[in-house]
């Protein structure tokens, strides 16, 4: 499959999930939790390379940050699971340093920033699907944080919505190597074409 993979830039978008300082940068609320897997995969450097190659090829670049108003009024009064961790850590507050997209992947002219992400699945609370369809996108390339959470949730919805889904296995990270590896080994092949960034770039 990978030998014959072809990507048409005109009908392809790279969706960058939550490349924000809370995850990517020293001092971010969640950085320490993901730093070991980030280091093991080299995901930030590889994503920078992937995005540069995609832009050069004419692929659409879409950023999907998660942000909340101070006080997290958009969420239930009794959050649990991963969103409880976000609230408890006072993470991803709109306008703050932690919610800002990391400088190395700052949106460039022509990039699209998807507004309204408040949960795990990027499709659920945003106009991502509308934008993809309006632009005639057929292939969605997904990377970001967390491998087994927002990336996986978005991957599943993209698959269900009829897109060809490519997940970039060395351009994502989770809070443990076990969680990262397990998702890629067992879940990703059911809902996507999992590939390393070098193979994705070679198909542009």
N, C-alpha and C. Protein backbone atom coordinates (compact mmCIF):
# COMPACT_ATOMS: atom_id res chain seq x y z
N UNK A 1 0.83 -1.21 0.00
CA UNK A 1 0.00 0.00 0.00
C UNK A 1 0.86 1.25 0.00
N UNK A 2 1.88 1.27 0.84
CA UNK A 2 2.67 2.48 0.97
C UNK A 2 3.48 2.76 -0.29
N UNK A 3 3.84 1.71 -1.05
CA UNK A 3 4.64 1.92 -2.25
C UNK A 3 3.87 2.65 -3.32
N UNK A 4 2.54 2.50 -3.35
CA UNK A 4 1.74 3.11 -4.40
C UNK A 4 0.94 4.31 -3.89
N UNK A 5 1.17 4.71 -2.64
CA UNK A 5 0.43 5.83 -2.10
C UNK A 5 0.72 7.10 -2.88
N UNK A 6 -0.34 7.77 -3.31
CA UNK A 6 -0.20 9.06 -3.97
C UNK A 6 -1.13 10.04 -3.27
N UNK A 7 -0.62 11.23 -3.08
CA UNK A 7 -1.40 12.28 -2.43
C UNK A 7 -1.54 13.44 -3.40
N UNK A 8 -2.76 13.81 -3.70
CA UNK A 8 -3.04 14.96 -4.55
C UNK A 8 -3.13 16.20 -3.66
N UNK A 9 -2.14 17.10 -3.75
CA UNK A 9 -2.15 18.26 -2.86
C UNK A 9 -3.42 19.10 -2.93
N UNK A 10 -4.05 19.14 -4.11
CA UNK A 10 -5.22 19.98 -4.29
C UNK A 10 -6.42 19.49 -3.48
N UNK A 11 -6.43 18.22 -3.14
CA UNK A 11 -7.56 17.66 -2.41
C UNK A 11 -7.14 17.11 -1.05
N UNK A 12 -6.05 17.65 -0.50
CA UNK A 12 -5.49 17.14 0.75
C UNK A 12 -5.31 18.26 1.76
N UNK A 13 -5.55 17.94 3.02
CA UNK A 13 -5.29 18.89 4.11
C UNK A 13 -4.53 18.19 5.22
N UNK A 14 -3.56 18.90 5.80
CA UNK A 14 -2.91 18.46 7.02
C UNK A 14 -3.62 19.14 8.19
N UNK A 15 -4.09 18.33 9.15
CA UNK A 15 -4.77 18.86 10.32
C UNK A 15 -3.85 18.69 11.53
N UNK A 16 -3.43 19.81 12.10
CA UNK A 16 -2.46 19.84 13.19
C UNK A 16 -3.22 20.05 14.50
N UNK A 17 -3.26 19.02 15.33
CA UNK A 17 -4.10 19.05 16.52
C UNK A 17 -3.30 19.47 17.75
N UNK A 18 -3.65 20.63 18.27
CA UNK A 18 -3.18 21.09 19.58
C UNK A 18 -1.66 21.21 19.72
N UNK A 19 -1.02 21.75 18.70
CA UNK A 19 0.41 22.06 18.82
C UNK A 19 0.55 23.38 19.58
N UNK A 20 0.15 23.34 20.83
CA UNK A 20 0.11 24.52 21.68
C UNK A 20 1.14 24.40 22.79
N UNK A 21 1.51 25.54 23.36
CA UNK A 21 2.58 25.55 24.36
C UNK A 21 2.31 24.65 25.55
N UNK A 22 1.05 24.47 25.93
CA UNK A 22 0.75 23.59 27.06
C UNK A 22 1.35 22.20 26.85
N UNK A 23 1.36 21.74 25.60
CA UNK A 23 1.93 20.44 25.27
C UNK A 23 3.39 20.55 24.82
N UNK A 24 3.69 21.50 23.97
CA UNK A 24 4.95 21.44 23.21
C UNK A 24 6.16 22.02 23.93
N UNK A 25 5.94 22.84 24.95
CA UNK A 25 7.00 23.73 25.40
C UNK A 25 7.24 23.62 26.91
N UNK A 26 8.49 23.71 27.31
CA UNK A 26 8.83 23.74 28.73
C UNK A 26 8.01 24.82 29.43
N UNK A 27 7.40 24.47 30.55
CA UNK A 27 6.53 25.39 31.26
C UNK A 27 5.07 25.19 30.96
N UNK A 28 4.76 24.46 29.89
CA UNK A 28 3.37 24.13 29.59
C UNK A 28 2.82 23.16 30.62
N UNK A 29 1.54 23.30 30.93
CA UNK A 29 0.92 22.49 31.99
C UNK A 29 1.07 20.99 31.71
N UNK A 30 0.98 20.61 30.46
CA UNK A 30 1.00 19.18 30.11
C UNK A 30 2.30 18.74 29.45
N UNK A 31 3.26 19.65 29.33
CA UNK A 31 4.48 19.31 28.59
C UNK A 31 5.25 18.16 29.25
N UNK A 32 5.39 18.21 30.54
CA UNK A 32 6.18 17.18 31.21
C UNK A 32 5.61 15.79 30.97
N UNK A 33 4.27 15.71 30.86
CA UNK A 33 3.63 14.41 30.66
C UNK A 33 3.91 13.83 29.28
N UNK A 34 4.06 14.69 28.28
CA UNK A 34 4.25 14.20 26.91
C UNK A 34 5.69 14.28 26.43
N UNK A 35 6.55 14.95 27.20
CA UNK A 35 7.93 15.18 26.75
C UNK A 35 8.68 13.90 26.40
N UNK A 36 8.56 12.80 27.19
CA UNK A 36 9.31 11.59 26.83
C UNK A 36 8.93 11.03 25.47
N UNK A 37 7.63 10.99 25.15
CA UNK A 37 7.21 10.46 23.85
C UNK A 37 7.57 11.45 22.74
N UNK A 38 7.45 12.74 23.01
CA UNK A 38 7.89 13.74 22.03
C UNK A 38 9.35 13.53 21.66
N UNK A 39 10.17 13.28 22.67
CA UNK A 39 11.60 13.08 22.42
C UNK A 39 11.85 11.79 21.66
N UNK A 40 11.11 10.74 22.02
CA UNK A 40 11.31 9.44 21.38
C UNK A 40 10.94 9.47 19.91
N UNK A 41 9.88 10.19 19.56
CA UNK A 41 9.43 10.22 18.17
C UNK A 41 10.05 11.38 17.39
N UNK A 42 10.60 12.36 18.10
CA UNK A 42 11.09 13.56 17.42
C UNK A 42 9.96 14.32 16.76
N UNK A 43 8.78 14.26 17.35
CA UNK A 43 7.57 14.67 16.66
C UNK A 43 7.52 16.15 16.28
N UNK A 44 8.08 17.01 17.10
CA UNK A 44 7.99 18.43 16.77
C UNK A 44 8.85 18.77 15.56
N UNK A 45 10.09 18.30 15.56
CA UNK A 45 10.95 18.52 14.40
C UNK A 45 10.35 17.91 13.14
N UNK A 46 9.83 16.70 13.29
CA UNK A 46 9.26 16.01 12.12
C UNK A 46 8.01 16.72 11.61
N UNK A 47 7.23 17.27 12.52
CA UNK A 47 6.03 17.98 12.08
C UNK A 47 6.40 19.26 11.35
N UNK A 48 7.41 19.96 11.83
CA UNK A 48 7.88 21.17 11.14
C UNK A 48 8.31 20.82 9.71
N UNK A 49 9.02 19.72 9.56
CA UNK A 49 9.44 19.27 8.23
C UNK A 49 8.24 18.89 7.36
N UNK A 50 7.29 18.17 7.96
CA UNK A 50 6.09 17.75 7.23
C UNK A 50 5.30 18.96 6.74
N UNK A 51 5.11 19.94 7.61
CA UNK A 51 4.33 21.11 7.24
C UNK A 51 5.03 21.91 6.14
N UNK A 52 6.35 22.05 6.25
CA UNK A 52 7.09 22.76 5.21
C UNK A 52 6.95 22.07 3.86
N UNK A 53 7.06 20.75 3.87
CA UNK A 53 6.93 20.00 2.62
C UNK A 53 5.51 20.10 2.07
N UNK A 54 4.53 20.05 2.96
CA UNK A 54 3.13 20.13 2.54
C UNK A 54 2.83 21.50 1.93
N UNK A 55 3.32 22.56 2.57
CA UNK A 55 3.09 23.91 2.03
C UNK A 55 3.72 24.04 0.64
N UNK A 56 4.94 23.55 0.51
CA UNK A 56 5.63 23.64 -0.77
C UNK A 56 4.85 22.91 -1.86
N UNK A 57 4.24 21.78 -1.48
CA UNK A 57 3.48 20.98 -2.45
C UNK A 57 2.11 21.56 -2.75
N UNK A 58 1.64 22.49 -1.93
CA UNK A 58 0.33 23.07 -2.15
C UNK A 58 -0.79 22.42 -1.36
N UNK A 59 -0.42 21.65 -0.33
CA UNK A 59 -1.41 21.02 0.57
C UNK A 59 -1.96 22.08 1.52
N UNK A 60 -3.24 22.01 1.82
CA UNK A 60 -3.85 22.93 2.79
C UNK A 60 -3.37 22.59 4.19
N UNK A 61 -3.06 23.62 4.98
CA UNK A 61 -2.62 23.44 6.36
C UNK A 61 -3.69 23.99 7.28
N UNK A 62 -4.15 23.15 8.20
CA UNK A 62 -5.20 23.55 9.14
C UNK A 62 -4.74 23.29 10.57
N UNK A 63 -4.85 24.31 11.40
CA UNK A 63 -4.47 24.23 12.81
C UNK A 63 -5.73 24.06 13.64
N UNK A 64 -5.68 23.14 14.60
CA UNK A 64 -6.85 22.87 15.43
C UNK A 64 -6.48 22.98 16.91
N UNK A 65 -6.36 24.22 17.41
CA UNK A 65 -6.08 24.39 18.83
C UNK A 65 -7.34 24.23 19.67
N UNK A 66 -7.16 23.85 20.92
CA UNK A 66 -8.28 23.81 21.87
C UNK A 66 -8.12 24.98 22.82
N UNK A 67 -9.20 25.72 23.03
CA UNK A 67 -9.15 26.87 23.93
C UNK A 67 -10.45 26.98 24.70
N UNK A 68 -10.33 27.59 25.88
CA UNK A 68 -11.50 27.81 26.74
C UNK A 68 -11.45 29.22 27.31
N UNK A 69 -12.62 29.79 27.54
CA UNK A 69 -12.70 31.07 28.24
C UNK A 69 -12.28 30.86 29.69
N UNK A 70 -11.75 31.90 30.33
CA UNK A 70 -11.43 31.77 31.76
C UNK A 70 -12.64 31.29 32.54
N UNK A 71 -12.43 30.30 33.40
CA UNK A 71 -13.53 29.73 34.16
C UNK A 71 -14.15 28.50 33.54
N UNK A 72 -13.82 28.22 32.26
CA UNK A 72 -14.28 26.99 31.58
C UNK A 72 -15.80 26.88 31.56
N UNK A 73 -16.48 28.00 31.30
CA UNK A 73 -17.93 27.98 31.25
C UNK A 73 -18.49 27.12 30.13
N UNK A 74 -17.66 26.80 29.11
CA UNK A 74 -18.14 25.97 28.01
C UNK A 74 -18.32 24.51 28.42
N UNK A 75 -17.71 24.12 29.54
CA UNK A 75 -17.72 22.72 29.96
C UNK A 75 -18.75 22.48 31.06
N UNK A 76 -19.07 21.20 31.25
CA UNK A 76 -19.93 20.82 32.36
C UNK A 76 -19.35 21.32 33.69
N UNK A 77 -20.22 21.55 34.65
CA UNK A 77 -19.75 21.99 35.97
C UNK A 77 -18.99 20.89 36.70
N UNK A 78 -19.12 19.67 36.21
CA UNK A 78 -18.48 18.54 36.87
C UNK A 78 -17.66 17.74 35.85
N UNK A 79 -16.60 18.35 35.31
CA UNK A 79 -15.80 17.65 34.31
C UNK A 79 -15.11 16.43 34.91
N UNK A 80 -14.90 15.44 34.08
CA UNK A 80 -14.18 14.24 34.51
C UNK A 80 -13.27 13.80 33.37
N UNK A 81 -12.45 12.81 33.64
CA UNK A 81 -11.53 12.34 32.61
C UNK A 81 -10.52 13.40 32.24
N UNK A 82 -10.13 13.41 30.99
CA UNK A 82 -9.04 14.28 30.57
C UNK A 82 -9.40 15.76 30.68
N UNK A 83 -10.67 16.12 30.48
CA UNK A 83 -11.03 17.52 30.58
C UNK A 83 -10.98 18.01 32.02
N UNK A 84 -11.14 17.11 32.98
CA UNK A 84 -10.96 17.50 34.38
C UNK A 84 -9.50 17.91 34.61
N UNK A 85 -8.58 17.18 33.99
CA UNK A 85 -7.17 17.53 34.10
C UNK A 85 -6.86 18.89 33.50
N UNK A 86 -7.54 19.21 32.41
CA UNK A 86 -7.36 20.52 31.78
C UNK A 86 -7.83 21.63 32.72
N UNK A 87 -9.01 21.42 33.31
CA UNK A 87 -9.56 22.43 34.22
C UNK A 87 -8.70 22.55 35.48
N UNK A 88 -8.35 21.42 36.05
CA UNK A 88 -7.55 21.45 37.29
C UNK A 88 -6.19 22.12 37.07
N UNK A 89 -5.64 21.97 35.87
CA UNK A 89 -4.36 22.58 35.56
C UNK A 89 -4.46 24.00 35.02
N UNK A 90 -5.69 24.49 34.88
CA UNK A 90 -5.94 25.81 34.31
C UNK A 90 -5.25 25.94 32.95
N UNK A 91 -5.42 24.93 32.13
CA UNK A 91 -4.73 24.84 30.84
C UNK A 91 -5.60 25.36 29.70
N UNK A 92 -4.93 25.79 28.63
CA UNK A 92 -5.57 26.17 27.37
C UNK A 92 -6.56 27.32 27.52
N UNK A 93 -6.24 28.28 28.37
CA UNK A 93 -7.11 29.45 28.53
C UNK A 93 -6.87 30.41 27.37
N UNK A 94 -7.94 30.75 26.69
CA UNK A 94 -7.84 31.58 25.49
C UNK A 94 -7.13 32.89 25.78
N UNK A 95 -6.20 33.24 24.94
CA UNK A 95 -5.44 34.47 25.10
C UNK A 95 -4.18 34.32 25.91
N UNK A 96 -4.02 33.17 26.58
CA UNK A 96 -2.84 32.94 27.40
C UNK A 96 -1.71 32.29 26.62
N UNK A 97 -0.52 32.35 27.20
CA UNK A 97 0.66 31.75 26.55
C UNK A 97 0.46 30.26 26.31
N UNK A 98 -0.11 29.55 27.27
CA UNK A 98 -0.26 28.11 27.14
C UNK A 98 -1.14 27.69 25.99
N UNK A 99 -2.14 28.51 25.67
CA UNK A 99 -3.06 28.18 24.58
C UNK A 99 -2.52 28.56 23.22
N UNK A 100 -1.45 29.35 23.18
CA UNK A 100 -0.91 29.81 21.90
C UNK A 100 -0.27 28.65 21.15
N UNK A 101 -0.41 28.67 19.83
CA UNK A 101 0.26 27.68 18.98
C UNK A 101 1.76 27.92 19.07
N UNK A 102 2.53 26.85 19.22
CA UNK A 102 3.98 26.95 19.36
C UNK A 102 4.58 27.74 18.19
N UNK A 103 5.55 28.57 18.50
CA UNK A 103 6.12 29.48 17.49
C UNK A 103 6.59 28.75 16.23
N UNK A 104 7.17 27.57 16.42
CA UNK A 104 7.74 26.85 15.27
C UNK A 104 6.68 26.41 14.26
N UNK A 105 5.42 26.37 14.70
CA UNK A 105 4.34 25.98 13.80
C UNK A 105 3.29 27.08 13.71
N UNK A 106 3.71 28.31 13.94
CA UNK A 106 2.76 29.43 13.88
C UNK A 106 2.09 29.46 12.51
N UNK A 107 0.79 29.71 12.49
CA UNK A 107 0.08 29.75 11.20
C UNK A 107 0.70 30.75 10.24
N UNK A 108 0.86 30.32 9.02
CA UNK A 108 1.39 31.17 7.95
C UNK A 108 0.23 31.70 7.11
N UNK A 109 0.53 32.67 6.27
CA UNK A 109 -0.48 33.18 5.35
C UNK A 109 -1.04 32.02 4.53
N UNK A 110 -2.35 31.94 4.47
CA UNK A 110 -2.99 30.87 3.72
C UNK A 110 -3.39 29.68 4.56
N UNK A 111 -2.80 29.55 5.75
CA UNK A 111 -3.22 28.49 6.67
C UNK A 111 -4.61 28.81 7.21
N UNK A 112 -5.28 27.80 7.69
CA UNK A 112 -6.61 27.96 8.29
C UNK A 112 -6.54 27.55 9.74
N UNK A 113 -7.04 28.39 10.64
CA UNK A 113 -7.13 28.05 12.05
C UNK A 113 -8.59 27.66 12.34
N UNK A 114 -8.78 26.42 12.74
CA UNK A 114 -10.12 25.91 13.03
C UNK A 114 -10.56 26.44 14.40
N UNK A 115 -11.67 27.12 14.43
CA UNK A 115 -12.16 27.75 15.65
C UNK A 115 -13.14 26.83 16.38
N UNK A 116 -13.15 26.94 17.70
CA UNK A 116 -14.23 26.33 18.48
C UNK A 116 -13.96 24.97 19.07
N UNK A 117 -12.73 24.46 18.97
CA UNK A 117 -12.47 23.14 19.54
C UNK A 117 -12.55 23.21 21.06
N UNK A 118 -13.48 22.48 21.63
CA UNK A 118 -13.69 22.49 23.08
C UNK A 118 -13.61 21.09 23.68
N UNK A 119 -13.47 20.08 22.82
CA UNK A 119 -13.42 18.71 23.30
C UNK A 119 -12.38 17.92 22.52
N UNK A 120 -12.55 16.61 22.48
CA UNK A 120 -11.52 15.73 21.97
C UNK A 120 -11.56 15.59 20.45
N UNK A 121 -12.75 15.38 19.91
CA UNK A 121 -12.92 15.18 18.47
C UNK A 121 -12.98 16.55 17.79
N UNK A 122 -12.04 16.82 16.90
CA UNK A 122 -12.00 18.12 16.25
C UNK A 122 -13.26 18.39 15.44
N UNK A 123 -13.91 17.37 14.94
CA UNK A 123 -15.13 17.56 14.16
C UNK A 123 -16.32 17.96 15.02
N UNK A 124 -16.30 17.60 16.30
CA UNK A 124 -17.51 17.66 17.11
C UNK A 124 -18.02 19.07 17.36
N UNK A 125 -17.13 20.02 17.64
CA UNK A 125 -17.58 21.35 18.05
C UNK A 125 -17.03 22.45 17.16
N UNK A 126 -16.59 22.09 15.96
CA UNK A 126 -16.02 23.07 15.04
C UNK A 126 -16.67 22.97 13.66
N UNK A 127 -16.25 23.86 12.77
CA UNK A 127 -16.72 23.81 11.39
C UNK A 127 -15.70 23.12 10.48
N UNK A 128 -14.89 22.23 11.04
CA UNK A 128 -13.86 21.55 10.25
C UNK A 128 -14.45 20.84 9.05
N UNK A 129 -15.51 20.07 9.24
CA UNK A 129 -16.08 19.30 8.13
C UNK A 129 -16.58 20.24 7.04
N UNK A 130 -17.22 21.32 7.41
CA UNK A 130 -17.70 22.31 6.45
C UNK A 130 -16.56 22.88 5.62
N UNK A 131 -15.46 23.23 6.30
CA UNK A 131 -14.32 23.81 5.59
C UNK A 131 -13.68 22.79 4.66
N UNK A 132 -13.49 21.56 5.14
CA UNK A 132 -12.91 20.52 4.30
C UNK A 132 -13.74 20.30 3.04
N UNK A 133 -15.05 20.18 3.22
CA UNK A 133 -15.91 19.91 2.06
C UNK A 133 -15.96 21.12 1.13
N UNK A 134 -15.97 22.32 1.70
CA UNK A 134 -15.99 23.53 0.86
C UNK A 134 -14.75 23.62 -0.01
N UNK A 135 -13.63 23.13 0.50
CA UNK A 135 -12.37 23.19 -0.24
C UNK A 135 -12.15 21.96 -1.13
N UNK A 136 -13.10 21.05 -1.12
CA UNK A 136 -12.97 19.85 -1.95
C UNK A 136 -11.93 18.87 -1.44
N UNK A 137 -11.70 18.87 -0.13
CA UNK A 137 -10.70 17.99 0.46
C UNK A 137 -11.23 16.56 0.53
N UNK A 138 -10.40 15.62 0.11
CA UNK A 138 -10.75 14.21 0.15
C UNK A 138 -9.84 13.41 1.09
N UNK A 139 -8.59 13.87 1.24
CA UNK A 139 -7.61 13.18 2.09
C UNK A 139 -7.25 14.09 3.25
N UNK A 140 -7.33 13.53 4.47
CA UNK A 140 -7.00 14.28 5.67
C UNK A 140 -5.79 13.60 6.33
N UNK A 141 -4.73 14.38 6.53
CA UNK A 141 -3.52 13.90 7.18
C UNK A 141 -3.51 14.47 8.60
N UNK A 142 -3.48 13.60 9.60
CA UNK A 142 -3.66 14.03 10.98
C UNK A 142 -2.40 13.80 11.80
N UNK A 143 -2.06 14.81 12.62
CA UNK A 143 -0.96 14.66 13.57
C UNK A 143 -1.27 15.51 14.80
N UNK A 144 -0.52 15.29 15.89
CA UNK A 144 -0.69 16.14 17.06
C UNK A 144 -0.79 15.41 18.37
N UNK A 145 -1.56 15.99 19.28
CA UNK A 145 -1.71 15.52 20.65
C UNK A 145 -3.19 15.25 20.96
N UNK A 146 -3.46 14.31 21.77
CA UNK A 146 -2.65 13.16 22.19
C UNK A 146 -2.95 12.02 21.24
N UNK A 147 -1.99 11.18 21.01
CA UNK A 147 -2.15 10.07 20.07
C UNK A 147 -3.44 9.32 20.30
N UNK A 148 -3.69 8.93 21.56
CA UNK A 148 -4.82 8.05 21.89
C UNK A 148 -6.04 8.83 22.36
N UNK A 149 -6.03 10.14 22.15
CA UNK A 149 -7.15 10.96 22.61
C UNK A 149 -7.67 11.80 21.45
N UNK A 150 -7.23 13.05 21.34
CA UNK A 150 -7.76 13.93 20.30
C UNK A 150 -7.41 13.47 18.89
N UNK A 151 -6.19 12.96 18.71
CA UNK A 151 -5.83 12.45 17.39
C UNK A 151 -6.71 11.26 17.03
N UNK A 152 -6.85 10.33 17.95
CA UNK A 152 -7.66 9.15 17.66
C UNK A 152 -9.13 9.51 17.46
N UNK A 153 -9.67 10.40 18.28
CA UNK A 153 -11.08 10.79 18.14
C UNK A 153 -11.32 11.46 16.79
N UNK A 154 -10.42 12.33 16.39
CA UNK A 154 -10.56 13.03 15.11
C UNK A 154 -10.40 12.07 13.95
N UNK A 155 -9.46 11.15 14.07
CA UNK A 155 -9.25 10.12 13.05
C UNK A 155 -10.53 9.32 12.81
N UNK A 156 -11.15 8.88 13.89
CA UNK A 156 -12.36 8.06 13.76
C UNK A 156 -13.48 8.82 13.06
N UNK A 157 -13.66 10.09 13.43
CA UNK A 157 -14.71 10.88 12.80
C UNK A 157 -14.40 11.15 11.33
N UNK A 158 -13.14 11.43 11.02
CA UNK A 158 -12.77 11.64 9.63
C UNK A 158 -13.07 10.40 8.79
N UNK A 159 -12.78 9.24 9.35
CA UNK A 159 -13.07 7.97 8.67
C UNK A 159 -14.57 7.81 8.47
N UNK A 160 -15.34 8.06 9.52
CA UNK A 160 -16.80 7.91 9.46
C UNK A 160 -17.41 8.91 8.47
N UNK A 161 -16.79 10.07 8.33
CA UNK A 161 -17.31 11.10 7.42
C UNK A 161 -16.88 10.90 5.98
N UNK A 162 -16.13 9.85 5.72
CA UNK A 162 -15.85 9.47 4.34
C UNK A 162 -14.55 9.98 3.75
N UNK A 163 -13.71 10.57 4.58
CA UNK A 163 -12.41 11.02 4.08
C UNK A 163 -11.42 9.86 4.03
N UNK A 164 -10.44 9.97 3.16
CA UNK A 164 -9.28 9.08 3.25
C UNK A 164 -8.39 9.66 4.34
N UNK A 165 -8.09 8.86 5.34
CA UNK A 165 -7.39 9.36 6.53
C UNK A 165 -5.99 8.77 6.58
N UNK A 166 -5.01 9.66 6.72
CA UNK A 166 -3.61 9.26 6.92
C UNK A 166 -3.17 9.79 8.27
N UNK A 167 -2.66 8.93 9.12
CA UNK A 167 -2.14 9.36 10.42
C UNK A 167 -0.62 9.27 10.38
N UNK A 168 0.04 10.32 10.87
CA UNK A 168 1.50 10.42 10.77
C UNK A 168 2.08 9.97 12.11
N UNK A 169 2.57 8.75 12.14
CA UNK A 169 2.87 8.07 13.41
C UNK A 169 4.02 8.68 14.19
N UNK A 170 4.94 9.37 13.53
CA UNK A 170 6.04 10.00 14.24
C UNK A 170 5.84 11.51 14.39
N UNK A 171 4.61 11.95 14.19
CA UNK A 171 4.25 13.36 14.39
C UNK A 171 3.13 13.47 15.41
N UNK A 172 3.19 12.64 16.43
CA UNK A 172 2.20 12.69 17.50
C UNK A 172 2.83 12.18 18.78
N UNK A 173 2.17 12.44 19.90
CA UNK A 173 2.69 12.00 21.19
C UNK A 173 1.55 11.81 22.16
N UNK A 174 1.79 10.94 23.14
CA UNK A 174 0.83 10.67 24.22
C UNK A 174 1.56 10.80 25.55
N UNK A 175 0.84 10.51 26.63
CA UNK A 175 1.44 10.66 27.96
C UNK A 175 2.27 9.46 28.38
N UNK A 176 2.28 8.41 27.55
CA UNK A 176 3.17 7.28 27.80
C UNK A 176 3.46 6.59 26.47
N UNK A 177 4.61 5.95 26.41
CA UNK A 177 4.95 5.19 25.20
C UNK A 177 3.97 4.06 24.98
N UNK A 178 3.49 3.46 26.07
CA UNK A 178 2.55 2.34 25.95
C UNK A 178 1.25 2.79 25.31
N UNK A 179 0.73 3.91 25.76
CA UNK A 179 -0.52 4.41 25.20
C UNK A 179 -0.34 4.79 23.73
N UNK A 180 0.76 5.44 23.42
CA UNK A 180 1.07 5.85 22.05
C UNK A 180 1.19 4.64 21.13
N UNK A 181 2.01 3.68 21.54
CA UNK A 181 2.27 2.50 20.70
C UNK A 181 1.03 1.64 20.54
N UNK A 182 0.26 1.48 21.62
CA UNK A 182 -0.93 0.64 21.58
C UNK A 182 -1.95 1.21 20.60
N UNK A 183 -2.17 2.53 20.64
CA UNK A 183 -3.13 3.14 19.74
C UNK A 183 -2.73 2.94 18.29
N UNK A 184 -1.45 3.17 18.00
CA UNK A 184 -0.97 3.05 16.62
C UNK A 184 -1.03 1.59 16.15
N UNK A 185 -0.72 0.67 17.04
CA UNK A 185 -0.67 -0.74 16.64
C UNK A 185 -2.07 -1.34 16.46
N UNK A 186 -2.99 -0.97 17.33
CA UNK A 186 -4.28 -1.68 17.36
C UNK A 186 -5.47 -0.88 16.85
N UNK A 187 -5.48 0.44 17.05
CA UNK A 187 -6.64 1.24 16.66
C UNK A 187 -6.46 1.94 15.32
N UNK A 188 -5.30 2.52 15.10
CA UNK A 188 -5.11 3.34 13.91
C UNK A 188 -5.32 2.57 12.60
N UNK A 189 -4.87 1.32 12.48
CA UNK A 189 -5.05 0.64 11.20
C UNK A 189 -6.51 0.39 10.83
N UNK A 190 -7.42 0.45 11.80
CA UNK A 190 -8.83 0.25 11.50
C UNK A 190 -9.47 1.49 10.90
N UNK A 191 -8.92 2.65 11.17
CA UNK A 191 -9.58 3.90 10.78
C UNK A 191 -8.69 4.82 9.96
N UNK A 192 -7.49 4.37 9.60
CA UNK A 192 -6.58 5.25 8.86
C UNK A 192 -5.50 4.43 8.18
N UNK A 193 -4.69 5.14 7.41
CA UNK A 193 -3.45 4.58 6.87
C UNK A 193 -2.33 5.17 7.72
N UNK A 194 -1.79 4.41 8.69
CA UNK A 194 -0.73 4.95 9.54
C UNK A 194 0.62 4.88 8.82
N UNK A 195 1.31 6.03 8.77
CA UNK A 195 2.59 6.09 8.07
C UNK A 195 3.55 7.03 8.79
N UNK A 196 4.85 6.77 8.71
CA UNK A 196 5.82 7.75 9.19
C UNK A 196 5.87 8.95 8.27
N UNK A 197 6.35 10.06 8.79
CA UNK A 197 6.33 11.31 8.03
C UNK A 197 7.12 11.23 6.72
N UNK A 198 8.22 10.48 6.72
CA UNK A 198 9.03 10.39 5.50
C UNK A 198 8.23 9.82 4.34
N UNK A 199 7.39 8.83 4.62
CA UNK A 199 6.57 8.22 3.57
C UNK A 199 5.46 9.16 3.11
N UNK A 200 4.92 9.92 4.05
CA UNK A 200 3.88 10.88 3.68
C UNK A 200 4.48 11.95 2.77
N UNK A 201 5.63 12.48 3.15
CA UNK A 201 6.25 13.53 2.34
C UNK A 201 6.65 13.02 0.96
N UNK A 202 7.07 11.77 0.90
CA UNK A 202 7.45 11.19 -0.38
C UNK A 202 6.27 11.05 -1.33
N UNK A 203 5.06 11.02 -0.78
CA UNK A 203 3.86 10.84 -1.60
C UNK A 203 3.29 12.16 -2.12
N UNK A 204 3.81 13.29 -1.61
CA UNK A 204 3.32 14.58 -2.10
C UNK A 204 3.66 14.75 -3.57
